[in-house]
mmCIF file of all heavy atoms, coordinates in Angstrom:
data_MODEL
# 
_entry.id   MODEL 
# 
loop_
_atom_site.group_PDB 
_atom_site.id 
_atom_site.type_symbol 
_atom_site.label_atom_id 
_atom_site.label_alt_id 
_atom_site.label_comp_id 
_atom_site.label_asym_id 
_atom_site.label_entity_id 
_atom_site.label_seq_id 
_atom_site.pdbx_PDB_ins_code 
_atom_site.Cartn_x 
_atom_site.Cartn_y 
_atom_site.Cartn_z 
_atom_site.occupancy 
_atom_site.B_iso_or_equiv 
_atom_site.pdbx_formal_charge 
_atom_site.auth_seq_id 
_atom_site.auth_comp_id 
_atom_site.auth_asym_id 
_atom_site.auth_atom_id 
_atom_site.pdbx_PDB_model_num 
ATOM 1   N N   . LEU A 1 1  ? 0.080   -7.930  4.891  1.00 0.00 ? 1  LEU A N   1 
ATOM 2   C CA  . LEU A 1 1  ? -1.077  -8.600  4.311  1.00 0.00 ? 1  LEU A CA  1 
ATOM 3   C C   . LEU A 1 1  ? -0.526  -9.529  3.239  1.00 0.00 ? 1  LEU A C   1 
ATOM 4   O O   . LEU A 1 1  ? 0.265   -9.100  2.395  1.00 0.00 ? 1  LEU A O   1 
ATOM 5   C CB  . LEU A 1 1  ? -2.050  -7.593  3.700  1.00 0.00 ? 1  LEU A CB  1 
ATOM 6   C CG  . LEU A 1 1  ? -2.715  -6.639  4.682  1.00 0.00 ? 1  LEU A CG  1 
ATOM 7   C CD1 . LEU A 1 1  ? -3.312  -5.441  3.946  1.00 0.00 ? 1  LEU A CD1 1 
ATOM 8   C CD2 . LEU A 1 1  ? -3.792  -7.368  5.467  1.00 0.00 ? 1  LEU A CD2 1 
ATOM 9   N N   . GLY A 1 2  ? -0.920  -10.796 3.281  1.00 0.00 ? 2  GLY A N   1 
ATOM 10  C CA  . GLY A 1 2  ? -0.369  -11.754 2.329  1.00 0.00 ? 2  GLY A CA  1 
ATOM 11  C C   . GLY A 1 2  ? -1.444  -12.504 1.577  1.00 0.00 ? 2  GLY A C   1 
ATOM 12  O O   . GLY A 1 2  ? -2.534  -12.743 2.087  1.00 0.00 ? 2  GLY A O   1 
ATOM 13  N N   . CYS A 1 3  ? -1.127  -12.874 0.340  1.00 0.00 ? 3  CYS A N   1 
ATOM 14  C CA  . CYS A 1 3  ? -2.031  -13.665 -0.498 1.00 0.00 ? 3  CYS A CA  1 
ATOM 15  C C   . CYS A 1 3  ? -1.579  -15.121 -0.468 1.00 0.00 ? 3  CYS A C   1 
ATOM 16  O O   . CYS A 1 3  ? -0.420  -15.430 -0.765 1.00 0.00 ? 3  CYS A O   1 
ATOM 17  C CB  . CYS A 1 3  ? -2.015  -13.140 -1.939 1.00 0.00 ? 3  CYS A CB  1 
ATOM 18  S SG  . CYS A 1 3  ? -3.039  -14.116 -3.072 1.00 0.00 ? 3  CYS A SG  1 
ATOM 19  N N   . ALA A 1 4  ? -2.493  -16.017 -0.125 1.00 0.00 ? 4  ALA A N   1 
ATOM 20  C CA  . ALA A 1 4  ? -2.181  -17.444 -0.070 1.00 0.00 ? 4  ALA A CA  1 
ATOM 21  C C   . ALA A 1 4  ? -2.000  -18.035 -1.467 1.00 0.00 ? 4  ALA A C   1 
ATOM 22  O O   . ALA A 1 4  ? -1.361  -19.070 -1.624 1.00 0.00 ? 4  ALA A O   1 
ATOM 23  C CB  . ALA A 1 4  ? -3.288  -18.191 0.668  1.00 0.00 ? 4  ALA A CB  1 
ATOM 24  N N   . ASN A 1 5  ? -2.528  -17.366 -2.490 1.00 0.00 ? 5  ASN A N   1 
ATOM 25  C CA  . ASN A 1 5  ? -2.436  -17.883 -3.852 1.00 0.00 ? 5  ASN A CA  1 
ATOM 26  C C   . ASN A 1 5  ? -1.102  -17.540 -4.512 1.00 0.00 ? 5  ASN A C   1 
ATOM 27  O O   . ASN A 1 5  ? -0.364  -18.419 -4.925 1.00 0.00 ? 5  ASN A O   1 
ATOM 28  C CB  . ASN A 1 5  ? -3.593  -17.353 -4.692 1.00 0.00 ? 5  ASN A CB  1 
ATOM 29  C CG  . ASN A 1 5  ? -3.622  -17.926 -6.082 1.00 0.00 ? 5  ASN A CG  1 
ATOM 30  O OD1 . ASN A 1 5  ? -3.606  -19.134 -6.255 1.00 0.00 ? 5  ASN A OD1 1 
ATOM 31  N ND2 . ASN A 1 5  ? -3.645  -17.060 -7.075 1.00 0.00 ? 5  ASN A ND2 1 
ATOM 32  N N   . CYS A 1 6  ? -0.766  -16.248 -4.610 1.00 0.00 ? 6  CYS A N   1 
ATOM 33  C CA  . CYS A 1 6  ? 0.446   -15.830 -5.318 1.00 0.00 ? 6  CYS A CA  1 
ATOM 34  C C   . CYS A 1 6  ? 1.632   -15.588 -4.385 1.00 0.00 ? 6  CYS A C   1 
ATOM 35  O O   . CYS A 1 6  ? 2.732   -15.334 -4.838 1.00 0.00 ? 6  CYS A O   1 
ATOM 36  C CB  . CYS A 1 6  ? 0.177   -14.584 -6.163 1.00 0.00 ? 6  CYS A CB  1 
ATOM 37  S SG  . CYS A 1 6  ? -0.120  -13.077 -5.205 1.00 0.00 ? 6  CYS A SG  1 
ATOM 38  N N   . ARG A 1 7  ? 1.384   -15.631 -3.080 1.00 0.00 ? 7  ARG A N   1 
ATOM 39  C CA  . ARG A 1 7  ? 2.399   -15.441 -2.049 1.00 0.00 ? 7  ARG A CA  1 
ATOM 40  C C   . ARG A 1 7  ? 2.947   -14.014 -1.969 1.00 0.00 ? 7  ARG A C   1 
ATOM 41  O O   . ARG A 1 7  ? 3.952   -13.762 -1.337 1.00 0.00 ? 7  ARG A O   1 
ATOM 42  C CB  . ARG A 1 7  ? 3.574   -16.411 -2.223 1.00 0.00 ? 7  ARG A CB  1 
ATOM 43  C CG  . ARG A 1 7  ? 3.182   -17.853 -2.301 1.00 0.00 ? 7  ARG A CG  1 
ATOM 44  C CD  . ARG A 1 7  ? 2.902   -18.388 -0.928 1.00 0.00 ? 7  ARG A CD  1 
ATOM 45  N NE  . ARG A 1 7  ? 2.772   -19.843 -0.968 1.00 0.00 ? 7  ARG A NE  1 
ATOM 46  C CZ  . ARG A 1 7  ? 1.710   -20.488 -0.543 1.00 0.00 ? 7  ARG A CZ  1 
ATOM 47  N NH1 . ARG A 1 7  ? 0.703   -19.826 -0.035 1.00 0.00 ? 7  ARG A NH1 1 
ATOM 48  N NH2 . ARG A 1 7  ? 1.646   -21.787 -0.596 1.00 0.00 ? 7  ARG A NH2 1 
ATOM 49  N N   . GLU A 1 8  ? 2.311   -13.069 -2.664 1.00 0.00 ? 8  GLU A N   1 
ATOM 50  C CA  . GLU A 1 8  ? 2.719   -11.663 -2.588 1.00 0.00 ? 8  GLU A CA  1 
ATOM 51  C C   . GLU A 1 8  ? 2.400   -11.137 -1.191 1.00 0.00 ? 8  GLU A C   1 
ATOM 52  O O   . GLU A 1 8  ? 1.409   -11.524 -0.584 1.00 0.00 ? 8  GLU A O   1 
ATOM 53  C CB  . GLU A 1 8  ? 1.980   -10.839 -3.632 1.00 0.00 ? 8  GLU A CB  1 
ATOM 54  C CG  . GLU A 1 8  ? 2.444   -9.420  -3.745 1.00 0.00 ? 8  GLU A CG  1 
ATOM 55  C CD  . GLU A 1 8  ? 3.835   -9.274  -4.325 1.00 0.00 ? 8  GLU A CD  1 
ATOM 56  O OE1 . GLU A 1 8  ? 4.182   -10.038 -5.252 1.00 0.00 ? 8  GLU A OE1 1 
ATOM 57  O OE2 . GLU A 1 8  ? 4.578   -8.397  -3.844 1.00 0.00 ? 8  GLU A OE2 1 
ATOM 58  N N   . GLN A 1 9  ? 3.253   -10.252 -0.679 1.00 0.00 ? 9  GLN A N   1 
ATOM 59  C CA  . GLN A 1 9  ? 3.023   -9.641  0.620  1.00 0.00 ? 9  GLN A CA  1 
ATOM 60  C C   . GLN A 1 9  ? 3.003   -8.127  0.470  1.00 0.00 ? 9  GLN A C   1 
ATOM 61  O O   . GLN A 1 9  ? 3.746   -7.561  -0.334 1.00 0.00 ? 9  GLN A O   1 
ATOM 62  C CB  . GLN A 1 9  ? 4.113   -10.044 1.611  1.00 0.00 ? 9  GLN A CB  1 
ATOM 63  C CG  . GLN A 1 9  ? 4.042   -11.504 1.978  1.00 0.00 ? 9  GLN A CG  1 
ATOM 64  C CD  . GLN A 1 9  ? 4.960   -11.834 3.133  1.00 0.00 ? 9  GLN A CD  1 
ATOM 65  O OE1 . GLN A 1 9  ? 5.498   -10.956 3.809  1.00 0.00 ? 9  GLN A OE1 1 
ATOM 66  N NE2 . GLN A 1 9  ? 5.146   -13.119 3.375  1.00 0.00 ? 9  GLN A NE2 1 
ATOM 67  N N   . TYR A 1 10 ? 2.118   -7.486  1.251  1.00 0.00 ? 10 TYR A N   1 
ATOM 68  C CA  . TYR A 1 10 ? 1.930   -6.048  1.212  1.00 0.00 ? 10 TYR A CA  1 
ATOM 69  C C   . TYR A 1 10 ? 2.124   -5.506  2.625  1.00 0.00 ? 10 TYR A C   1 
ATOM 70  O O   . TYR A 1 10 ? 1.514   -5.992  3.562  1.00 0.00 ? 10 TYR A O   1 
ATOM 71  C CB  . TYR A 1 10 ? 0.528   -5.706  0.684  1.00 0.00 ? 10 TYR A CB  1 
ATOM 72  C CG  . TYR A 1 10 ? 0.261   -6.336  -0.666 1.00 0.00 ? 10 TYR A CG  1 
ATOM 73  C CD1 . TYR A 1 10 ? -0.410  -7.550  -0.765 1.00 0.00 ? 10 TYR A CD1 1 
ATOM 74  C CD2 . TYR A 1 10 ? 0.704   -5.722  -1.826 1.00 0.00 ? 10 TYR A CD2 1 
ATOM 75  C CE1 . TYR A 1 10 ? -0.645  -8.132  -1.999 1.00 0.00 ? 10 TYR A CE1 1 
ATOM 76  C CE2 . TYR A 1 10 ? 0.472   -6.298  -3.065 1.00 0.00 ? 10 TYR A CE2 1 
ATOM 77  C CZ  . TYR A 1 10 ? -0.199  -7.503  -3.146 1.00 0.00 ? 10 TYR A CZ  1 
ATOM 78  O OH  . TYR A 1 10 ? -0.419  -8.071  -4.374 1.00 0.00 ? 10 TYR A OH  1 
ATOM 79  N N   . ALA A 1 11 ? 2.946   -4.502  2.754  1.00 0.00 ? 11 ALA A N   1 
ATOM 80  C CA  . ALA A 1 11 ? 3.305   -3.960  4.063  1.00 0.00 ? 11 ALA A CA  1 
ATOM 81  C C   . ALA A 1 11 ? 2.192   -3.105  4.650  1.00 0.00 ? 11 ALA A C   1 
ATOM 82  O O   . ALA A 1 11 ? 1.451   -2.438  3.931  1.00 0.00 ? 11 ALA A O   1 
ATOM 83  C CB  . ALA A 1 11 ? 4.570   -3.122  3.941  1.00 0.00 ? 11 ALA A CB  1 
ATOM 84  N N   . VAL A 1 12 ? 2.096   -3.131  5.976  1.00 0.00 ? 12 VAL A N   1 
ATOM 85  C CA  . VAL A 1 12 ? 1.295   -2.179  6.733  1.00 0.00 ? 12 VAL A CA  1 
ATOM 86  C C   . VAL A 1 12 ? 2.276   -1.484  7.669  1.00 0.00 ? 12 VAL A C   1 
ATOM 87  O O   . VAL A 1 12 ? 2.871   -2.119  8.537  1.00 0.00 ? 12 VAL A O   1 
ATOM 88  C CB  . VAL A 1 12 ? 0.168   -2.862  7.545  1.00 0.00 ? 12 VAL A CB  1 
ATOM 89  C CG1 . VAL A 1 12 ? -0.585  -1.837  8.373  1.00 0.00 ? 12 VAL A CG1 1 
ATOM 90  C CG2 . VAL A 1 12 ? -0.759  -3.643  6.646  1.00 0.00 ? 12 VAL A CG2 1 
ATOM 91  N N   . GLU A 1 13 ? 2.473   -0.185  7.437  1.00 0.00 ? 13 GLU A N   1 
ATOM 92  C CA  . GLU A 1 13 ? 3.423   0.589   8.222  1.00 0.00 ? 13 GLU A CA  1 
ATOM 93  C C   . GLU A 1 13 ? 2.741   1.848   8.735  1.00 0.00 ? 13 GLU A C   1 
ATOM 94  O O   . GLU A 1 13 ? 2.148   2.582   7.950  1.00 0.00 ? 13 GLU A O   1 
ATOM 95  C CB  . GLU A 1 13 ? 4.629   0.976   7.363  1.00 0.00 ? 13 GLU A CB  1 
ATOM 96  C CG  . GLU A 1 13 ? 5.395   -0.224  6.840  1.00 0.00 ? 13 GLU A CG  1 
ATOM 97  C CD  . GLU A 1 13 ? 6.455   0.160   5.828  1.00 0.00 ? 13 GLU A CD  1 
ATOM 98  O OE1 . GLU A 1 13 ? 6.621   1.372   5.552  1.00 0.00 ? 13 GLU A OE1 1 
ATOM 99  O OE2 . GLU A 1 13 ? 7.107   -0.751  5.317  1.00 0.00 ? 13 GLU A OE2 1 
ATOM 100 N N   . ASP A 1 14 ? 2.803   2.069   10.026 1.00 0.00 ? 14 ASP A N   1 
ATOM 101 C CA  . ASP A 1 14 ? 2.156   3.226   10.658 1.00 0.00 ? 14 ASP A CA  1 
ATOM 102 C C   . ASP A 1 14 ? 0.673   3.284   10.317 1.00 0.00 ? 14 ASP A C   1 
ATOM 103 O O   . ASP A 1 14 ? 0.113   4.361   10.107 1.00 0.00 ? 14 ASP A O   1 
ATOM 104 C CB  . ASP A 1 14 ? 2.844   4.540   10.265 1.00 0.00 ? 14 ASP A CB  1 
ATOM 105 C CG  . ASP A 1 14 ? 4.273   4.604   10.766 1.00 0.00 ? 14 ASP A CG  1 
ATOM 106 O OD1 . ASP A 1 14 ? 4.512   4.127   11.896 1.00 0.00 ? 14 ASP A OD1 1 
ATOM 107 O OD2 . ASP A 1 14 ? 5.143   5.116   10.041 1.00 0.00 ? 14 ASP A OD2 1 
ATOM 108 N N   . GLY A 1 15 ? 0.024   2.117   10.206 1.00 0.00 ? 15 GLY A N   1 
ATOM 109 C CA  . GLY A 1 15 ? -1.406  2.053   9.914  1.00 0.00 ? 15 GLY A CA  1 
ATOM 110 C C   . GLY A 1 15 ? -1.760  2.212   8.452  1.00 0.00 ? 15 GLY A C   1 
ATOM 111 O O   . GLY A 1 15 ? -2.934  2.201   8.087  1.00 0.00 ? 15 GLY A O   1 
ATOM 112 N N   . PHE A 1 16 ? -0.767  2.330   7.564  1.00 0.00 ? 16 PHE A N   1 
ATOM 113 C CA  . PHE A 1 16 ? -0.990  2.537   6.130  1.00 0.00 ? 16 PHE A CA  1 
ATOM 114 C C   . PHE A 1 16 ? -0.660  1.252   5.385  1.00 0.00 ? 16 PHE A C   1 
ATOM 115 O O   . PHE A 1 16 ? 0.462   0.759   5.449  1.00 0.00 ? 16 PHE A O   1 
ATOM 116 C CB  . PHE A 1 16 ? -0.099  3.685   5.633  1.00 0.00 ? 16 PHE A CB  1 
ATOM 117 C CG  . PHE A 1 16 ? -0.277  4.015   4.181  1.00 0.00 ? 16 PHE A CG  1 
ATOM 118 C CD1 . PHE A 1 16 ? -1.397  4.697   3.746  1.00 0.00 ? 16 PHE A CD1 1 
ATOM 119 C CD2 . PHE A 1 16 ? 0.683   3.655   3.249  1.00 0.00 ? 16 PHE A CD2 1 
ATOM 120 C CE1 . PHE A 1 16 ? -1.551  5.023   2.411  1.00 0.00 ? 16 PHE A CE1 1 
ATOM 121 C CE2 . PHE A 1 16 ? 0.536   3.974   1.916  1.00 0.00 ? 16 PHE A CE2 1 
ATOM 122 C CZ  . PHE A 1 16 ? -0.591  4.654   1.495  1.00 0.00 ? 16 PHE A CZ  1 
ATOM 123 N N   . GLY A 1 17 ? -1.660  0.687   4.694  1.00 0.00 ? 17 GLY A N   1 
ATOM 124 C CA  . GLY A 1 17 ? -1.465  -0.524  3.912  1.00 0.00 ? 17 GLY A CA  1 
ATOM 125 C C   . GLY A 1 17 ? -1.075  -0.190  2.490  1.00 0.00 ? 17 GLY A C   1 
ATOM 126 O O   . GLY A 1 17 ? -1.788  0.517   1.792  1.00 0.00 ? 17 GLY A O   1 
ATOM 127 N N   . VAL A 1 18 ? 0.080   -0.683  2.063  1.00 0.00 ? 18 VAL A N   1 
ATOM 128 C CA  . VAL A 1 18 ? 0.588   -0.398  0.717  1.00 0.00 ? 18 VAL A CA  1 
ATOM 129 C C   . VAL A 1 18 ? 0.246   -1.574  -0.194 1.00 0.00 ? 18 VAL A C   1 
ATOM 130 O O   . VAL A 1 18 ? 0.895   -2.603  -0.160 1.00 0.00 ? 18 VAL A O   1 
ATOM 131 C CB  . VAL A 1 18 ? 2.112   -0.153  0.739  1.00 0.00 ? 18 VAL A CB  1 
ATOM 132 C CG1 . VAL A 1 18 ? 2.623   0.163   -0.665 1.00 0.00 ? 18 VAL A CG1 1 
ATOM 133 C CG2 . VAL A 1 18 ? 2.460   0.966   1.692  1.00 0.00 ? 18 VAL A CG2 1 
ATOM 134 N N   . LEU A 1 19 ? -0.808  -1.411  -1.015 1.00 0.00 ? 19 LEU A N   1 
ATOM 135 C CA  . LEU A 1 19 ? -1.242  -2.478  -1.919 1.00 0.00 ? 19 LEU A CA  1 
ATOM 136 C C   . LEU A 1 19 ? -0.834  -2.213  -3.359 1.00 0.00 ? 19 LEU A C   1 
ATOM 137 O O   . LEU A 1 19 ? -1.368  -2.780  -4.284 1.00 0.00 ? 19 LEU A O   1 
ATOM 138 C CB  . LEU A 1 19 ? -2.765  -2.654  -1.847 1.00 0.00 ? 19 LEU A CB  1 
ATOM 139 C CG  . LEU A 1 19 ? -3.324  -2.989  -0.472 1.00 0.00 ? 19 LEU A CG  1 
ATOM 140 C CD1 . LEU A 1 19 ? -4.830  -3.156  -0.541 1.00 0.00 ? 19 LEU A CD1 1 
ATOM 141 C CD2 . LEU A 1 19 ? -2.684  -4.239  0.089  1.00 0.00 ? 19 LEU A CD2 1 
ATOM 142 N N   . GLY A 1 20 ? 0.116   -1.339  -3.567 1.00 0.00 ? 20 GLY A N   1 
ATOM 143 C CA  . GLY A 1 20 ? 0.581   -1.023  -4.913 1.00 0.00 ? 20 GLY A CA  1 
ATOM 144 C C   . GLY A 1 20 ? 1.790   -0.126  -4.823 1.00 0.00 ? 20 GLY A C   1 
ATOM 145 O O   . GLY A 1 20 ? 2.406   0.013   -3.782 1.00 0.00 ? 20 GLY A O   1 
ATOM 146 N N   . SER A 1 21 ? 2.146   0.510   -5.935 1.00 0.00 ? 21 SER A N   1 
ATOM 147 C CA  . SER A 1 21 ? 3.300   1.406   -5.956 1.00 0.00 ? 21 SER A CA  1 
ATOM 148 C C   . SER A 1 21 ? 3.033   2.565   -6.895 1.00 0.00 ? 21 SER A C   1 
ATOM 149 O O   . SER A 1 21 ? 2.020   2.601   -7.571 1.00 0.00 ? 21 SER A O   1 
ATOM 150 C CB  . SER A 1 21 ? 4.542   0.641   -6.407 1.00 0.00 ? 21 SER A CB  1 
ATOM 151 O OG  . SER A 1 21 ? 4.336   0.151   -7.718 1.00 0.00 ? 21 SER A OG  1 
ATOM 152 N N   . GLY A 1 22 ? 3.940   3.489   -6.960 1.00 0.00 ? 22 GLY A N   1 
ATOM 153 C CA  . GLY A 1 22 ? 3.828   4.615   -7.873 1.00 0.00 ? 22 GLY A CA  1 
ATOM 154 C C   . GLY A 1 22 ? 3.316   5.866   -7.198 1.00 0.00 ? 22 GLY A C   1 
ATOM 155 O O   . GLY A 1 22 ? 2.403   6.493   -7.686 1.00 0.00 ? 22 GLY A O   1 
ATOM 156 N N   . TRP A 1 23 ? 3.888   6.222   -6.045 1.00 0.00 ? 23 TRP A N   1 
ATOM 157 C CA  . TRP A 1 23 ? 3.369   7.336   -5.262 1.00 0.00 ? 23 TRP A CA  1 
ATOM 158 C C   . TRP A 1 23 ? 4.015   8.643   -5.653 1.00 0.00 ? 23 TRP A C   1 
ATOM 159 O O   . TRP A 1 23 ? 5.185   8.838   -5.460 1.00 0.00 ? 23 TRP A O   1 
ATOM 160 C CB  . TRP A 1 23 ? 3.631   7.076   -3.778 1.00 0.00 ? 23 TRP A CB  1 
ATOM 161 C CG  . TRP A 1 23 ? 3.062   5.799   -3.352 1.00 0.00 ? 23 TRP A CG  1 
ATOM 162 C CD1 . TRP A 1 23 ? 3.737   4.675   -2.982 1.00 0.00 ? 23 TRP A CD1 1 
ATOM 163 C CD2 . TRP A 1 23 ? 1.697   5.464   -3.287 1.00 0.00 ? 23 TRP A CD2 1 
ATOM 164 N NE1 . TRP A 1 23 ? 2.860   3.685   -2.688 1.00 0.00 ? 23 TRP A NE1 1 
ATOM 165 C CE2 . TRP A 1 23 ? 1.610   4.132   -2.865 1.00 0.00 ? 23 TRP A CE2 1 
ATOM 166 C CE3 . TRP A 1 23 ? 0.521   6.150   -3.547 1.00 0.00 ? 23 TRP A CE3 1 
ATOM 167 C CZ2 . TRP A 1 23 ? 0.404   3.481   -2.687 1.00 0.00 ? 23 TRP A CZ2 1 
ATOM 168 C CZ3 . TRP A 1 23 ? -0.674  5.502   -3.378 1.00 0.00 ? 23 TRP A CZ3 1 
ATOM 169 C CH2 . TRP A 1 23 ? -0.722  4.193   -2.945 1.00 0.00 ? 23 TRP A CH2 1 
ATOM 170 N N   . SER A 1 24 ? 3.214   9.569   -6.211 1.00 0.00 ? 24 SER A N   1 
ATOM 171 C CA  . SER A 1 24 ? 3.645   10.945  -6.420 1.00 0.00 ? 24 SER A CA  1 
ATOM 172 C C   . SER A 1 24 ? 2.458   11.768  -6.868 1.00 0.00 ? 24 SER A C   1 
ATOM 173 O O   . SER A 1 24 ? 1.870   11.510  -7.901 1.00 0.00 ? 24 SER A O   1 
ATOM 174 C CB  . SER A 1 24 ? 4.756   11.033  -7.464 1.00 0.00 ? 24 SER A CB  1 
ATOM 175 O OG  . SER A 1 24 ? 4.279   10.635  -8.722 1.00 0.00 ? 24 SER A OG  1 
ATOM 176 N N   . SER A 1 25 ? 2.112   12.732  -6.041 1.00 0.00 ? 25 SER A N   1 
ATOM 177 C CA  . SER A 1 25 ? 0.986   13.603  -6.354 1.00 0.00 ? 25 SER A CA  1 
ATOM 178 C C   . SER A 1 25 ? 1.019   14.813  -5.434 1.00 0.00 ? 25 SER A C   1 
ATOM 179 O O   . SER A 1 25 ? 1.551   14.747  -4.343 1.00 0.00 ? 25 SER A O   1 
ATOM 180 C CB  . SER A 1 25 ? -0.336  12.853  -6.171 1.00 0.00 ? 25 SER A CB  1 
ATOM 181 O OG  . SER A 1 25 ? -1.427  13.686  -6.444 1.00 0.00 ? 25 SER A OG  1 
ATOM 182 N N   . GLU A 1 26 ? 0.439   15.905  -5.882 1.00 0.00 ? 26 GLU A N   1 
ATOM 183 C CA  . GLU A 1 26 ? 0.317   17.086  -5.047 1.00 0.00 ? 26 GLU A CA  1 
ATOM 184 C C   . GLU A 1 26 ? -0.848  16.903  -4.084 1.00 0.00 ? 26 GLU A C   1 
ATOM 185 O O   . GLU A 1 26 ? -1.945  16.535  -4.510 1.00 0.00 ? 26 GLU A O   1 
ATOM 186 C CB  . GLU A 1 26 ? 0.054   18.315  -5.915 1.00 0.00 ? 26 GLU A CB  1 
ATOM 187 C CG  . GLU A 1 26 ? 1.255   18.733  -6.724 1.00 0.00 ? 26 GLU A CG  1 
ATOM 188 C CD  . GLU A 1 26 ? 2.408   19.186  -5.851 1.00 0.00 ? 26 GLU A CD  1 
ATOM 189 O OE1 . GLU A 1 26 ? 2.163   19.905  -4.866 1.00 0.00 ? 26 GLU A OE1 1 
ATOM 190 O OE2 . GLU A 1 26 ? 3.547   18.798  -6.152 1.00 0.00 ? 26 GLU A OE2 1 
ATOM 191 N N   . PRO A 1 27 ? -0.644  17.127  -2.780 1.00 0.00 ? 27 PRO A N   1 
ATOM 192 C CA  . PRO A 1 27 ? -1.750  16.976  -1.837 1.00 0.00 ? 27 PRO A CA  1 
ATOM 193 C C   . PRO A 1 27 ? -2.825  18.033  -2.061 1.00 0.00 ? 27 PRO A C   1 
ATOM 194 O O   . PRO A 1 27 ? -2.534  19.176  -2.367 1.00 0.00 ? 27 PRO A O   1 
ATOM 195 C CB  . PRO A 1 27 ? -1.089  17.137  -0.466 1.00 0.00 ? 27 PRO A CB  1 
ATOM 196 C CG  . PRO A 1 27 ? 0.211   17.786  -0.724 1.00 0.00 ? 27 PRO A CG  1 
ATOM 197 C CD  . PRO A 1 27 ? 0.594   17.498  -2.140 1.00 0.00 ? 27 PRO A CD  1 
ATOM 198 N N   . ARG A 1 28 ? -4.065  17.640  -1.919 1.00 0.00 ? 28 ARG A N   1 
ATOM 199 C CA  . ARG A 1 28 ? -5.195  18.552  -2.040 1.00 0.00 ? 28 ARG A CA  1 
ATOM 200 C C   . ARG A 1 28 ? -5.652  18.921  -0.628 1.00 0.00 ? 28 ARG A C   1 
ATOM 201 O O   . ARG A 1 28 ? -5.337  18.260  0.340  1.00 0.00 ? 28 ARG A O   1 
ATOM 202 C CB  . ARG A 1 28 ? -6.330  17.877  -2.791 1.00 0.00 ? 28 ARG A CB  1 
ATOM 203 C CG  . ARG A 1 28 ? -5.901  17.325  -4.126 1.00 0.00 ? 28 ARG A CG  1 
ATOM 204 C CD  . ARG A 1 28 ? -6.770  17.869  -5.227 1.00 0.00 ? 28 ARG A CD  1 
ATOM 205 N NE  . ARG A 1 28 ? -6.489  17.223  -6.489 1.00 0.00 ? 28 ARG A NE  1 
ATOM 206 C CZ  . ARG A 1 28 ? -5.722  17.749  -7.420 1.00 0.00 ? 28 ARG A CZ  1 
ATOM 207 N NH1 . ARG A 1 28 ? -5.151  18.893  -7.229 1.00 0.00 ? 28 ARG A NH1 1 
ATOM 208 N NH2 . ARG A 1 28 ? -5.504  17.120  -8.545 1.00 0.00 ? 28 ARG A NH2 1 
ATOM 209 N N   . GLN A 1 29 ? -6.466  19.966  -0.519 1.00 0.00 ? 29 GLN A N   1 
ATOM 210 C CA  . GLN A 1 29 ? -6.974  20.424  0.768  1.00 0.00 ? 29 GLN A CA  1 
ATOM 211 C C   . GLN A 1 29 ? -8.429  20.005  0.943  1.00 0.00 ? 29 GLN A C   1 
ATOM 212 O O   . GLN A 1 29 ? -9.214  20.075  0.003  1.00 0.00 ? 29 GLN A O   1 
ATOM 213 C CB  . GLN A 1 29 ? -6.866  21.951  0.859  1.00 0.00 ? 29 GLN A CB  1 
ATOM 214 C CG  . GLN A 1 29 ? -5.443  22.459  0.806  1.00 0.00 ? 29 GLN A CG  1 
ATOM 215 C CD  . GLN A 1 29 ? -4.594  21.914  1.930  1.00 0.00 ? 29 GLN A CD  1 
ATOM 216 O OE1 . GLN A 1 29 ? -5.010  21.892  3.076  1.00 0.00 ? 29 GLN A OE1 1 
ATOM 217 N NE2 . GLN A 1 29 ? -3.405  21.441  1.595  1.00 0.00 ? 29 GLN A NE2 1 
ATOM 218 N N   . PRO A 1 30 ? -8.802  19.549  2.159  1.00 0.00 ? 30 PRO A N   1 
ATOM 219 C CA  . PRO A 1 30 ? -10.197 19.183  2.405  1.00 0.00 ? 30 PRO A CA  1 
ATOM 220 C C   . PRO A 1 30 ? -11.107 20.410  2.350  1.00 0.00 ? 30 PRO A C   1 
ATOM 221 O O   . PRO A 1 30 ? -10.675 21.524  2.620  1.00 0.00 ? 30 PRO A O   1 
ATOM 222 C CB  . PRO A 1 30 ? -10.184 18.566  3.802  1.00 0.00 ? 30 PRO A CB  1 
ATOM 223 C CG  . PRO A 1 30 ? -8.887  18.917  4.398  1.00 0.00 ? 30 PRO A CG  1 
ATOM 224 C CD  . PRO A 1 30 ? -7.960  19.325  3.310  1.00 0.00 ? 30 PRO A CD  1 
# 
């Protein structure tokens, strides 16, 4: 996914779009 204004690009991998960073958390249960 890309922005025409700032030219930043965000990956889509295995159907997951990464629009930021800083991943770390304990998973919760539904």
